[in-house]
């Protein structure tokens, strides 16, 4: 994807906005940002659960809480960790069992858009 396509892609734009916001926050509140980043990095380290499984959990929580930036970030995380489209959709399907129509609406719109824009639309995405 070239620079112009990235600028016109709403998913890529949201990722850039998030990175910019984190950068600004880090400059203004370095102590808090450092501790927050260390905590989240520790939470996502490989352990009894794989990083892939942790990204799937985070995506489910993001969909349930209707946090669009986190949905995009963790959908990308799932893709980066090698999740297939079916694994991602199964994850958000379980989320919809708890979150109802609001979670399902995110699954059939934003999550599908992330899959299409960030990982291709094939079933393996690897």
N, C-alpha and C. Protein backbone atom coordinates (compact mmCIF):
# COMPACT_ATOMS: atom_id res chain seq x y z
N UNK A 1 0.86 -1.17 0.00
CA UNK A 1 0.00 0.00 0.00
C UNK A 1 0.90 1.23 0.00
N UNK A 2 0.68 2.14 -0.94
CA UNK A 2 1.52 3.33 -1.00
C UNK A 2 1.04 4.39 0.00
N UNK A 3 1.83 5.45 0.15
CA UNK A 3 1.54 6.50 1.13
C UNK A 3 0.17 7.12 0.93
N UNK A 4 -0.21 7.39 -0.33
CA UNK A 4 -1.51 8.01 -0.61
C UNK A 4 -2.66 7.09 -0.20
N UNK A 5 -2.54 5.79 -0.49
CA UNK A 5 -3.59 4.85 -0.11
C UNK A 5 -3.72 4.78 1.41
N UNK A 6 -2.57 4.81 2.13
CA UNK A 6 -2.62 4.78 3.59
C UNK A 6 -3.33 6.01 4.14
N UNK A 7 -3.10 7.17 3.53
CA UNK A 7 -3.72 8.39 4.00
C UNK A 7 -5.23 8.37 3.78
N UNK A 8 -5.70 7.66 2.77
CA UNK A 8 -7.13 7.60 2.48
C UNK A 8 -7.82 6.42 3.15
N UNK A 9 -7.07 5.55 3.81
CA UNK A 9 -7.61 4.37 4.45
C UNK A 9 -8.00 4.71 5.89
N UNK A 10 -9.29 4.65 6.23
CA UNK A 10 -9.71 5.06 7.58
C UNK A 10 -9.11 4.19 8.68
N UNK A 11 -8.84 2.94 8.41
CA UNK A 11 -8.24 2.07 9.43
C UNK A 11 -6.81 2.51 9.70
N UNK A 12 -6.04 2.73 8.65
CA UNK A 12 -4.66 3.20 8.81
C UNK A 12 -4.63 4.58 9.45
N UNK A 13 -5.59 5.43 9.08
CA UNK A 13 -5.66 6.77 9.67
C UNK A 13 -5.93 6.69 11.18
N UNK A 14 -6.81 5.78 11.59
CA UNK A 14 -7.11 5.62 13.02
C UNK A 14 -5.88 5.11 13.77
N UNK A 15 -5.14 4.19 13.17
CA UNK A 15 -3.91 3.70 13.80
C UNK A 15 -2.90 4.84 13.96
N UNK A 16 -2.78 5.67 12.94
CA UNK A 16 -1.88 6.82 13.01
C UNK A 16 -2.32 7.82 14.08
N UNK A 17 -3.63 8.08 14.17
CA UNK A 17 -4.15 8.99 15.19
C UNK A 17 -3.82 8.48 16.58
N UNK A 18 -3.99 7.17 16.77
CA UNK A 18 -3.70 6.56 18.07
C UNK A 18 -2.21 6.70 18.41
N UNK A 19 -1.34 6.37 17.45
CA UNK A 19 0.10 6.48 17.67
C UNK A 19 0.49 7.93 17.99
N UNK A 20 -0.11 8.86 17.29
CA UNK A 20 0.17 10.27 17.52
C UNK A 20 -0.30 10.69 18.92
N UNK A 21 -1.48 10.24 19.29
CA UNK A 21 -2.01 10.56 20.62
C UNK A 21 -1.15 9.98 21.73
N UNK A 22 -0.72 8.74 21.57
CA UNK A 22 0.16 8.11 22.57
C UNK A 22 1.49 8.87 22.65
N UNK A 23 1.99 9.27 21.49
CA UNK A 23 3.24 10.04 21.46
C UNK A 23 3.11 11.36 22.20
N UNK A 24 2.01 12.06 21.97
CA UNK A 24 1.76 13.33 22.65
C UNK A 24 1.62 13.14 24.16
N UNK A 25 0.88 12.11 24.55
CA UNK A 25 0.69 11.81 25.97
C UNK A 25 2.03 11.47 26.62
N UNK A 26 2.85 10.69 25.93
CA UNK A 26 4.15 10.29 26.46
C UNK A 26 5.05 11.49 26.69
N UNK A 27 5.00 12.47 25.77
CA UNK A 27 5.80 13.68 25.95
C UNK A 27 5.33 14.48 27.16
N UNK A 28 4.04 14.52 27.38
CA UNK A 28 3.48 15.34 28.46
C UNK A 28 3.48 14.63 29.81
N UNK A 29 3.36 13.30 29.78
CA UNK A 29 3.26 12.51 31.02
C UNK A 29 4.18 11.29 30.92
N UNK A 30 5.49 11.50 30.82
CA UNK A 30 6.40 10.38 30.57
C UNK A 30 6.40 9.31 31.66
N UNK A 31 6.27 9.70 32.90
CA UNK A 31 6.29 8.72 33.98
C UNK A 31 5.09 7.78 33.91
N UNK A 32 3.92 8.36 33.70
CA UNK A 32 2.70 7.54 33.60
C UNK A 32 2.76 6.66 32.36
N UNK A 33 3.15 7.24 31.24
CA UNK A 33 3.22 6.48 29.99
C UNK A 33 4.20 5.32 30.11
N UNK A 34 5.35 5.57 30.71
CA UNK A 34 6.35 4.51 30.87
C UNK A 34 5.79 3.35 31.69
N UNK A 35 5.13 3.66 32.78
CA UNK A 35 4.58 2.61 33.65
C UNK A 35 3.40 1.89 32.98
N UNK A 36 2.56 2.64 32.29
CA UNK A 36 1.45 2.02 31.57
C UNK A 36 1.98 1.08 30.48
N UNK A 37 2.95 1.56 29.71
CA UNK A 37 3.51 0.73 28.64
C UNK A 37 4.17 -0.52 29.19
N UNK A 38 4.89 -0.40 30.30
CA UNK A 38 5.53 -1.57 30.92
C UNK A 38 4.48 -2.58 31.37
N UNK A 39 3.40 -2.08 31.96
CA UNK A 39 2.33 -2.96 32.42
C UNK A 39 1.67 -3.70 31.25
N UNK A 40 1.31 -2.96 30.20
CA UNK A 40 0.63 -3.61 29.08
C UNK A 40 1.56 -4.56 28.34
N UNK A 41 2.84 -4.20 28.22
CA UNK A 41 3.80 -5.11 27.59
C UNK A 41 3.90 -6.41 28.38
N UNK A 42 3.93 -6.32 29.70
CA UNK A 42 3.99 -7.52 30.54
C UNK A 42 2.73 -8.36 30.36
N UNK A 43 1.58 -7.71 30.24
CA UNK A 43 0.32 -8.45 30.08
C UNK A 43 0.27 -9.22 28.76
N UNK A 44 0.91 -8.70 27.73
CA UNK A 44 0.85 -9.33 26.41
C UNK A 44 2.05 -10.23 26.10
N UNK A 45 2.95 -10.41 27.08
CA UNK A 45 4.07 -11.33 26.87
C UNK A 45 3.55 -12.76 26.77
N UNK A 46 4.29 -13.57 26.03
CA UNK A 46 3.98 -15.00 25.93
C UNK A 46 4.03 -15.60 27.34
N UNK A 47 3.05 -16.39 27.67
CA UNK A 47 2.99 -17.06 28.96
C UNK A 47 2.25 -18.37 28.79
N UNK A 48 1.39 -18.68 29.74
CA UNK A 48 0.53 -19.87 29.59
C UNK A 48 -0.40 -19.68 28.40
N UNK A 49 -0.78 -18.42 28.15
CA UNK A 49 -1.53 -18.07 26.95
C UNK A 49 -0.56 -17.50 25.92
N UNK A 50 -0.78 -17.83 24.67
CA UNK A 50 0.06 -17.28 23.61
C UNK A 50 -0.29 -15.82 23.36
N UNK A 51 0.61 -15.11 22.68
CA UNK A 51 0.31 -13.73 22.31
C UNK A 51 -0.90 -13.69 21.38
N UNK A 52 -1.05 -14.68 20.54
CA UNK A 52 -2.20 -14.76 19.65
C UNK A 52 -3.49 -14.85 20.47
N UNK A 53 -3.51 -15.72 21.46
CA UNK A 53 -4.71 -15.86 22.29
C UNK A 53 -5.01 -14.57 23.06
N UNK A 54 -3.96 -13.92 23.53
CA UNK A 54 -4.15 -12.67 24.27
C UNK A 54 -4.71 -11.57 23.37
N UNK A 55 -4.27 -11.52 22.12
CA UNK A 55 -4.82 -10.54 21.17
C UNK A 55 -6.30 -10.84 20.89
N UNK A 56 -6.65 -12.12 20.80
CA UNK A 56 -8.05 -12.47 20.57
C UNK A 56 -8.93 -12.06 21.76
N UNK A 57 -8.42 -12.27 22.97
CA UNK A 57 -9.14 -11.84 24.17
C UNK A 57 -9.31 -10.31 24.15
N UNK A 58 -8.21 -9.61 23.85
CA UNK A 58 -8.26 -8.15 23.83
C UNK A 58 -9.24 -7.64 22.77
N UNK A 59 -9.27 -8.31 21.62
CA UNK A 59 -10.24 -7.91 20.59
C UNK A 59 -11.66 -8.10 21.09
N UNK A 60 -11.93 -9.22 21.73
CA UNK A 60 -13.27 -9.46 22.27
C UNK A 60 -13.68 -8.40 23.28
N UNK A 61 -12.77 -8.05 24.18
CA UNK A 61 -13.07 -7.02 25.17
C UNK A 61 -13.28 -5.67 24.49
N UNK A 62 -12.47 -5.39 23.49
CA UNK A 62 -12.60 -4.11 22.76
C UNK A 62 -13.95 -4.00 22.07
N UNK A 63 -14.38 -5.09 21.44
CA UNK A 63 -15.68 -5.10 20.77
C UNK A 63 -16.80 -4.94 21.80
N UNK A 64 -16.70 -5.66 22.89
CA UNK A 64 -17.72 -5.58 23.94
C UNK A 64 -17.83 -4.17 24.51
N UNK A 65 -16.67 -3.51 24.68
CA UNK A 65 -16.68 -2.17 25.28
C UNK A 65 -16.88 -1.06 24.26
N UNK A 66 -17.02 -1.43 22.96
CA UNK A 66 -17.29 -0.46 21.90
C UNK A 66 -16.17 0.55 21.73
N UNK A 67 -14.93 0.14 21.98
CA UNK A 67 -13.76 1.02 21.88
C UNK A 67 -13.16 0.86 20.48
N UNK A 68 -13.51 1.77 19.58
CA UNK A 68 -13.13 1.61 18.18
C UNK A 68 -11.62 1.62 17.95
N UNK A 69 -10.89 2.48 18.67
CA UNK A 69 -9.44 2.48 18.50
C UNK A 69 -8.84 1.13 18.93
N UNK A 70 -9.32 0.61 20.05
CA UNK A 70 -8.81 -0.69 20.51
C UNK A 70 -9.27 -1.83 19.60
N UNK A 71 -10.46 -1.73 19.04
CA UNK A 71 -10.91 -2.75 18.09
C UNK A 71 -9.93 -2.80 16.93
N UNK A 72 -9.59 -1.65 16.37
CA UNK A 72 -8.67 -1.61 15.24
C UNK A 72 -7.29 -2.11 15.67
N UNK A 73 -6.79 -1.64 16.79
CA UNK A 73 -5.46 -2.00 17.28
C UNK A 73 -5.36 -3.51 17.50
N UNK A 74 -6.37 -4.10 18.14
CA UNK A 74 -6.30 -5.53 18.47
C UNK A 74 -6.72 -6.42 17.29
N UNK A 75 -7.52 -5.91 16.38
CA UNK A 75 -7.75 -6.66 15.13
C UNK A 75 -6.43 -6.78 14.39
N UNK A 76 -5.68 -5.68 14.33
CA UNK A 76 -4.35 -5.71 13.72
C UNK A 76 -3.44 -6.66 14.49
N UNK A 77 -3.51 -6.63 15.81
CA UNK A 77 -2.72 -7.54 16.63
C UNK A 77 -3.03 -8.99 16.33
N UNK A 78 -4.32 -9.30 16.16
CA UNK A 78 -4.71 -10.66 15.80
C UNK A 78 -4.12 -11.06 14.45
N UNK A 79 -4.23 -10.17 13.50
CA UNK A 79 -3.69 -10.43 12.16
C UNK A 79 -2.18 -10.61 12.24
N UNK A 80 -1.51 -9.72 12.96
CA UNK A 80 -0.06 -9.79 13.10
C UNK A 80 0.39 -11.08 13.78
N UNK A 81 -0.45 -11.62 14.67
CA UNK A 81 -0.12 -12.86 15.36
C UNK A 81 -0.54 -14.10 14.58
N UNK A 82 -1.08 -13.90 13.36
CA UNK A 82 -1.38 -15.03 12.49
C UNK A 82 -2.79 -15.59 12.60
N UNK A 83 -3.70 -14.85 13.22
CA UNK A 83 -5.09 -15.33 13.29
C UNK A 83 -5.69 -15.42 11.89
N UNK A 84 -6.48 -16.42 11.69
CA UNK A 84 -7.24 -16.52 10.45
C UNK A 84 -8.50 -15.68 10.57
N UNK A 85 -9.12 -15.42 9.45
CA UNK A 85 -10.39 -14.69 9.46
C UNK A 85 -11.40 -15.44 10.32
N UNK A 86 -11.43 -16.77 10.20
CA UNK A 86 -12.39 -17.56 10.97
C UNK A 86 -12.14 -17.43 12.47
N UNK A 87 -10.86 -17.40 12.90
CA UNK A 87 -10.56 -17.24 14.32
C UNK A 87 -11.02 -15.88 14.83
N UNK A 88 -10.79 -14.85 14.03
CA UNK A 88 -11.22 -13.50 14.43
C UNK A 88 -12.74 -13.43 14.50
N UNK A 89 -13.41 -13.96 13.50
CA UNK A 89 -14.88 -13.91 13.50
C UNK A 89 -15.48 -14.77 14.62
N UNK A 90 -14.85 -15.89 14.93
CA UNK A 90 -15.32 -16.70 16.05
C UNK A 90 -15.14 -15.94 17.37
N UNK A 91 -14.04 -15.24 17.50
CA UNK A 91 -13.79 -14.42 18.69
C UNK A 91 -14.88 -13.38 18.87
N UNK A 92 -15.20 -12.65 17.80
CA UNK A 92 -16.22 -11.60 17.93
C UNK A 92 -17.62 -12.21 18.01
N UNK A 93 -17.79 -13.42 17.51
CA UNK A 93 -19.07 -14.12 17.68
C UNK A 93 -19.33 -14.43 19.14
N UNK A 94 -18.31 -14.91 19.84
CA UNK A 94 -18.45 -15.18 21.27
C UNK A 94 -18.73 -13.87 22.01
N UNK A 95 -18.06 -12.82 21.60
CA UNK A 95 -18.29 -11.51 22.20
C UNK A 95 -19.74 -11.07 22.02
N UNK A 96 -20.28 -11.32 20.84
CA UNK A 96 -21.68 -10.94 20.56
C UNK A 96 -22.65 -11.72 21.44
N UNK A 97 -22.26 -12.93 21.86
CA UNK A 97 -23.12 -13.70 22.76
C UNK A 97 -23.31 -12.95 24.08
N UNK A 98 -22.33 -12.17 24.48
CA UNK A 98 -22.42 -11.39 25.71
C UNK A 98 -22.84 -9.95 25.45
N UNK A 99 -22.40 -9.39 24.32
CA UNK A 99 -22.62 -7.98 24.05
C UNK A 99 -23.80 -7.69 23.16
N UNK A 100 -24.46 -8.72 22.66
CA UNK A 100 -25.66 -8.55 21.86
C UNK A 100 -25.44 -7.78 20.56
N UNK A 101 -26.46 -7.06 20.16
CA UNK A 101 -26.46 -6.36 18.89
C UNK A 101 -25.36 -5.32 18.77
N UNK A 102 -25.02 -4.65 19.85
CA UNK A 102 -23.97 -3.63 19.79
C UNK A 102 -22.64 -4.26 19.43
N UNK A 103 -22.33 -5.40 20.03
CA UNK A 103 -21.07 -6.10 19.71
C UNK A 103 -21.13 -6.66 18.29
N UNK A 104 -22.26 -7.21 17.92
CA UNK A 104 -22.38 -7.76 16.57
C UNK A 104 -22.24 -6.67 15.52
N UNK A 105 -22.76 -5.48 15.79
CA UNK A 105 -22.64 -4.41 14.81
C UNK A 105 -21.17 -4.04 14.58
N UNK A 106 -20.35 -4.05 15.63
CA UNK A 106 -18.92 -3.80 15.46
C UNK A 106 -18.26 -4.94 14.69
N UNK A 107 -18.70 -6.16 14.94
CA UNK A 107 -18.12 -7.33 14.26
C UNK A 107 -18.38 -7.30 12.76
N UNK A 108 -19.58 -6.93 12.38
CA UNK A 108 -19.93 -6.99 10.95
C UNK A 108 -19.54 -5.72 10.20
N UNK A 109 -19.05 -4.72 10.93
CA UNK A 109 -18.62 -3.48 10.26
C UNK A 109 -17.13 -3.27 10.46
N UNK A 110 -16.73 -2.75 11.60
CA UNK A 110 -15.35 -2.35 11.83
C UNK A 110 -14.38 -3.52 11.80
N UNK A 111 -14.71 -4.63 12.43
CA UNK A 111 -13.79 -5.78 12.42
C UNK A 111 -13.64 -6.31 11.00
N UNK A 112 -14.74 -6.41 10.26
CA UNK A 112 -14.65 -6.87 8.87
C UNK A 112 -13.81 -5.91 8.03
N UNK A 113 -13.95 -4.61 8.28
CA UNK A 113 -13.16 -3.62 7.55
C UNK A 113 -11.68 -3.78 7.87
N UNK A 114 -11.37 -4.03 9.14
CA UNK A 114 -9.97 -4.26 9.53
C UNK A 114 -9.40 -5.49 8.82
N UNK A 115 -10.16 -6.56 8.79
CA UNK A 115 -9.70 -7.77 8.12
C UNK A 115 -9.41 -7.47 6.66
N UNK A 116 -10.32 -6.77 6.04
CA UNK A 116 -10.17 -6.44 4.62
C UNK A 116 -8.98 -5.52 4.37
N UNK A 117 -8.84 -4.48 5.19
CA UNK A 117 -7.81 -3.47 4.95
C UNK A 117 -6.43 -3.89 5.45
N UNK A 118 -6.37 -4.64 6.54
CA UNK A 118 -5.08 -4.94 7.16
C UNK A 118 -4.54 -6.33 6.85
N UNK A 119 -5.45 -7.24 6.56
CA UNK A 119 -4.96 -8.60 6.43
C UNK A 119 -5.42 -9.34 5.22
N UNK A 120 -6.04 -8.66 4.32
CA UNK A 120 -6.61 -9.36 3.19
C UNK A 120 -7.91 -10.02 3.58
N UNK A 121 -8.60 -10.54 2.65
CA UNK A 121 -9.92 -11.11 2.94
C UNK A 121 -9.93 -12.62 2.75
N UNK A 122 -8.73 -13.24 2.85
CA UNK A 122 -8.69 -14.69 2.72
C UNK A 122 -8.84 -15.32 4.08
N UNK A 123 -9.02 -16.61 4.11
CA UNK A 123 -9.28 -17.29 5.38
C UNK A 123 -8.02 -17.53 6.18
N UNK A 124 -6.84 -17.53 5.56
CA UNK A 124 -5.63 -17.82 6.32
C UNK A 124 -4.91 -16.57 6.79
N UNK A 125 -4.87 -15.49 6.02
CA UNK A 125 -4.25 -14.22 6.36
C UNK A 125 -2.84 -14.37 6.88
N UNK A 126 -2.09 -15.39 6.48
CA UNK A 126 -0.74 -15.55 7.00
C UNK A 126 0.28 -15.41 5.93
